[in-house]
Amino acid sequence: QVQLVESGGGLVQAGGSLRVSCAASGLTFSTYAMAWFRQAPGKEREFVAAITWLGERTVYAESMKGRFTISRDNAKNTMYLQMNSLQPEDTAVYYCAVGLMVSTVRSAYYYWGQGTQVTVSS
């Protein structure tokens, strides 16, 4: 059974940093592309970043470029999202997802975690 467990969310002040993690089990982690999405209250779930199975290529949503960094450690079956210069509009539940290839489209991913809340105060 595939399980994705996010952790590391919390409350941070505007301008601060946070790193969220996604621990995977029940699959051959190193053969899948991974991604982060987020969903703010009353809004659609949106793409944040994605990474290929070897980690040699990353894709970011435009508003996250230069502030967020996606990475993975295949030896630990874990993916990370380092978030810097956080702003109140970054407040959302952050979800990790698994797919066969890197995509910005939600439907390309078929395993999802339960999410971790990130709240940025002004």
C-alpha atoms as a PDB file:
ATOM      1  CA  GLN A   1       0.000   0.000   0.000  1.00  0.00           C
ATOM      2  CA  VAL A   2       1.412   3.347  -1.054  1.00  0.00           C
ATOM      3  CA  GLN A   3       1.676   5.951   1.678  1.00  0.00           C
ATOM      4  CA  LEU A   4       2.824   9.549   1.429  1.00  0.00           C
ATOM      5  CA  VAL A   5       3.193  11.410   4.695  1.00  0.00           C
ATOM      6  CA  GLU A   6       3.899  15.127   4.743  1.00  0.00           C
ATOM      7  CA  SER A   7       5.444  16.852   7.725  1.00  0.00           C
ATOM      8  CA  GLY A   8       7.143  20.076   8.711  1.00  0.00           C
ATOM      9  CA  GLY A   9       4.282  22.508   8.270  1.00  0.00           C
ATOM     10  CA  GLY A  10       3.535  25.150  10.834  1.00  0.00           C
ATOM     11  CA  LEU A  11       3.198  28.845  11.564  1.00  0.00           C
ATOM     12  CA  VAL A  12       5.853  31.267  10.355  1.00  0.00           C
ATOM     13  CA  GLN A  13       6.077  35.027  10.055  1.00  0.00           C
ATOM     14  CA  ALA A  14       6.177  36.762   6.693  1.00  0.00           C
ATOM     15  CA  GLY A  15       9.692  36.727   5.304  1.00  0.00           C
ATOM     16  CA  GLY A  16      10.526  33.530   7.143  1.00  0.00           C
ATOM     17  CA  SER A  17      11.436  30.059   5.933  1.00  0.00           C
ATOM     18  CA  LEU A  18      10.079  26.576   6.349  1.00  0.00           C
ATOM     19  CA  ARG A  19      10.948  23.136   5.003  1.00  0.00           C
ATOM     20  CA  VAL A  20       8.277  20.530   4.475  1.00  0.00           C
ATOM     21  CA  SER A  21       8.987  16.863   3.854  1.00  0.00           C
ATOM     22  CA  CYS A  22       7.190  13.972   2.211  1.00  0.00           C
ATOM     23  CA  ALA A  23       8.083  10.453   3.281  1.00  0.00           C
ATOM     24  CA  ALA A  24       7.016   7.706   0.900  1.00  0.00           C
ATOM     25  CA  SER A  25       6.513   4.002   1.434  1.00  0.00           C
ATOM     26  CA  GLY A  26       4.994   1.099  -0.465  1.00  0.00           C
ATOM     27  CA  LEU A  27       6.538   2.017  -3.801  1.00  0.00           C
ATOM     28  CA  THR A  28       9.906   2.088  -5.538  1.00  0.00           C
ATOM     29  CA  PHE A  29      10.412   5.741  -4.741  1.00  0.00           C
ATOM     30  CA  SER A  30      13.399   6.305  -6.998  1.00  0.00           C
ATOM     31  CA  THR A  31      11.449   5.415 -10.150  1.00  0.00           C
ATOM     32  CA  TYR A  32       8.723   8.036  -9.797  1.00  0.00           C
ATOM     33  CA  ALA A  33       8.462  11.734 -10.414  1.00  0.00           C
ATOM     34  CA  MET A  34       7.272  13.702  -7.415  1.00  0.00           C
ATOM     35  CA  ALA A  35       5.495  17.001  -6.977  1.00  0.00           C
ATOM     36  CA  TRP A  36       4.170  19.504  -4.480  1.00  0.00           C
ATOM     37  CA  PHE A  37       0.761  21.113  -4.818  1.00  0.00           C
ATOM     38  CA  ARG A  38      -1.007  23.453  -2.448  1.00  0.00           C
ATOM     39  CA  GLN A  39      -4.559  24.438  -1.697  1.00  0.00           C
ATOM     40  CA  ALA A  40      -5.641  27.604   0.057  1.00  0.00           C
ATOM     41  CA  PRO A  41      -9.103  27.950   1.622  1.00  0.00           C
ATOM     42  CA  GLY A  42     -11.756  28.450  -1.046  1.00  0.00           C
ATOM     43  CA  LYS A  43      -9.283  27.967  -3.894  1.00  0.00           C
ATOM     44  CA  GLU A  44      -8.373  25.222  -6.324  1.00  0.00           C
ATOM     45  CA  ARG A  45      -5.383  23.006  -5.640  1.00  0.00           C
ATOM     46  CA  GLU A  46      -2.454  24.482  -7.541  1.00  0.00           C
ATOM     47  CA  PHE A  47       0.891  23.228  -8.756  1.00  0.00           C
ATOM     48  CA  VAL A  48       3.964  24.307  -6.794  1.00  0.00           C
ATOM     49  CA  ALA A  49       6.954  22.288  -8.017  1.00  0.00           C
ATOM     50  CA  ALA A  50       7.950  18.918  -9.428  1.00  0.00           C
ATOM     51  CA  ILE A  51      11.112  16.847  -9.690  1.00  0.00           C
ATOM     52  CA  THR A  52      12.169  13.945 -11.895  1.00  0.00           C
ATOM     53  CA  TRP A  53      12.929  10.537 -10.426  1.00  0.00           C
ATOM     54  CA  LEU A  54      16.687  11.166 -10.449  1.00  0.00           C
ATOM     55  CA  GLY A  55      16.303  14.761  -9.368  1.00  0.00           C
ATOM     56  CA  GLU A  56      18.162  16.098 -12.391  1.00  0.00           C
ATOM     57  CA  ARG A  57      15.285  18.304 -13.502  1.00  0.00           C
ATOM     58  CA  THR A  58      12.894  20.491 -11.576  1.00  0.00           C
ATOM     59  CA  VAL A  59       9.883  22.562 -12.588  1.00  0.00           C
ATOM     60  CA  TYR A  60       8.358  25.416 -10.620  1.00  0.00           C
ATOM     61  CA  ALA A  61       5.229  27.487 -10.773  1.00  0.00           C
ATOM     62  CA  GLU A  62       6.167  30.996 -11.797  1.00  0.00           C
ATOM     63  CA  SER A  63       5.337  32.606  -8.461  1.00  0.00           C
ATOM     64  CA  MET A  64       7.556  30.129  -6.579  1.00  0.00           C
ATOM     65  CA  LYS A  65      10.680  30.486  -8.708  1.00  0.00           C
ATOM     66  CA  GLY A  66      13.601  31.804  -6.720  1.00  0.00           C
ATOM     67  CA  ARG A  67      11.832  31.322  -3.391  1.00  0.00           C
ATOM     68  CA  PHE A  68      11.071  27.588  -3.254  1.00  0.00           C
ATOM     69  CA  THR A  69      13.426  24.672  -3.836  1.00  0.00           C
ATOM     70  CA  ILE A  70      12.278  21.106  -4.393  1.00  0.00           C
ATOM     71  CA  SER A  71      14.663  18.228  -3.749  1.00  0.00           C
ATOM     72  CA  ARG A  72      14.638  14.535  -2.993  1.00  0.00           C
ATOM     73  CA  ASP A  73      16.751  11.928  -1.245  1.00  0.00           C
ATOM     74  CA  ASN A  74      16.070   8.576  -2.881  1.00  0.00           C
ATOM     75  CA  ALA A  75      18.080   6.760  -0.214  1.00  0.00           C
ATOM     76  CA  LYS A  76      15.612   8.045   2.380  1.00  0.00           C
ATOM     77  CA  ASN A  77      12.483   7.813   0.207  1.00  0.00           C
ATOM     78  CA  THR A  78      11.851  11.440   1.039  1.00  0.00           C
ATOM     79  CA  MET A  79      11.122  14.607  -0.902  1.00  0.00           C
ATOM     80  CA  TYR A  80      11.521  18.129   0.424  1.00  0.00           C
ATOM     81  CA  LEU A  81      10.299  21.635  -0.282  1.00  0.00           C
ATOM     82  CA  GLN A  82      12.402  24.451   1.094  1.00  0.00           C
ATOM     83  CA  MET A  83      10.345  27.632   1.204  1.00  0.00           C
ATOM     84  CA  ASN A  84      12.001  31.007   1.720  1.00  0.00           C
ATOM     85  CA  SER A  85      10.669  34.560   1.791  1.00  0.00           C
ATOM     86  CA  LEU A  86       7.246  33.261   2.706  1.00  0.00           C
ATOM     87  CA  GLN A  87       4.282  35.573   2.359  1.00  0.00           C
ATOM     88  CA  PRO A  88       0.723  35.393   3.735  1.00  0.00           C
ATOM     89  CA  GLU A  89      -0.511  34.350   0.281  1.00  0.00           C
ATOM     90  CA  ASP A  90       1.600  31.187   0.629  1.00  0.00           C
ATOM     91  CA  THR A  91      -0.732  30.042   3.395  1.00  0.00           C
ATOM     92  CA  ALA A  92      -2.215  26.724   2.285  1.00  0.00           C
ATOM     93  CA  VAL A  93      -2.245  23.002   2.827  1.00  0.00           C
ATOM     94  CA  TYR A  94       0.754  21.561   0.997  1.00  0.00           C
ATOM     95  CA  TYR A  95       0.362  18.133  -0.601  1.00  0.00           C
ATOM     96  CA  CYS A  96       2.926  15.792  -2.091  1.00  0.00           C
ATOM     97  CA  ALA A  97       2.088  13.597  -5.041  1.00  0.00           C
ATOM     98  CA  VAL A  98       3.557  10.765  -7.104  1.00  0.00           C
ATOM     99  CA  GLY A  99       3.425  10.350 -10.866  1.00  0.00           C
ATOM    100  CA  LEU A 100       5.181   8.708 -13.774  1.00  0.00           C
ATOM    101  CA  MET A 101       6.569  11.940 -15.164  1.00  0.00           C
ATOM    102  CA  VAL A 102       6.991  15.558 -14.242  1.00  0.00           C
ATOM    103  CA  SER A 103       3.870  17.584 -14.974  1.00  0.00           C
ATOM    104  CA  THR A 104       2.175  20.732 -13.746  1.00  0.00           C
ATOM    105  CA  VAL A 105      -1.212  19.075 -14.157  1.00  0.00           C
ATOM    106  CA  ARG A 106      -2.918  17.629 -11.116  1.00  0.00           C
ATOM    107  CA  SER A 107      -4.404  14.660 -12.996  1.00  0.00           C
ATOM    108  CA  ALA A 108      -0.905  13.408 -13.906  1.00  0.00           C
ATOM    109  CA  TYR A 109      -0.372  12.327 -10.297  1.00  0.00           C
ATOM    110  CA  TYR A 110      -2.141   9.340  -8.811  1.00  0.00           C
ATOM    111  CA  TYR A 111      -0.934   9.022  -5.243  1.00  0.00           C
ATOM    112  CA  TRP A 112      -1.406  11.862  -2.808  1.00  0.00           C
ATOM    113  CA  GLY A 113      -0.545  12.578   0.779  1.00  0.00           C
ATOM    114  CA  GLN A 114      -2.924  14.017   3.361  1.00  0.00           C
ATOM    115  CA  GLY A 115      -1.222  17.402   3.382  1.00  0.00           C
ATOM    116  CA  THR A 116       0.511  19.615   5.904  1.00  0.00           C
ATOM    117  CA  GLN A 117      -0.711  23.076   6.884  1.00  0.00           C
ATOM    118  CA  VAL A 118       1.558  26.055   6.304  1.00  0.00           C
ATOM    119  CA  THR A 119       0.396  29.357   7.762  1.00  0.00           C
ATOM    120  CA  VAL A 120       2.246  32.602   7.158  1.00  0.00           C
ATOM    121  CA  SER A 121       1.346  35.509   9.398  1.00  0.00           C
ATOM    122  CA  SER A 122       1.760  39.138   8.352  1.00  0.00           C
END
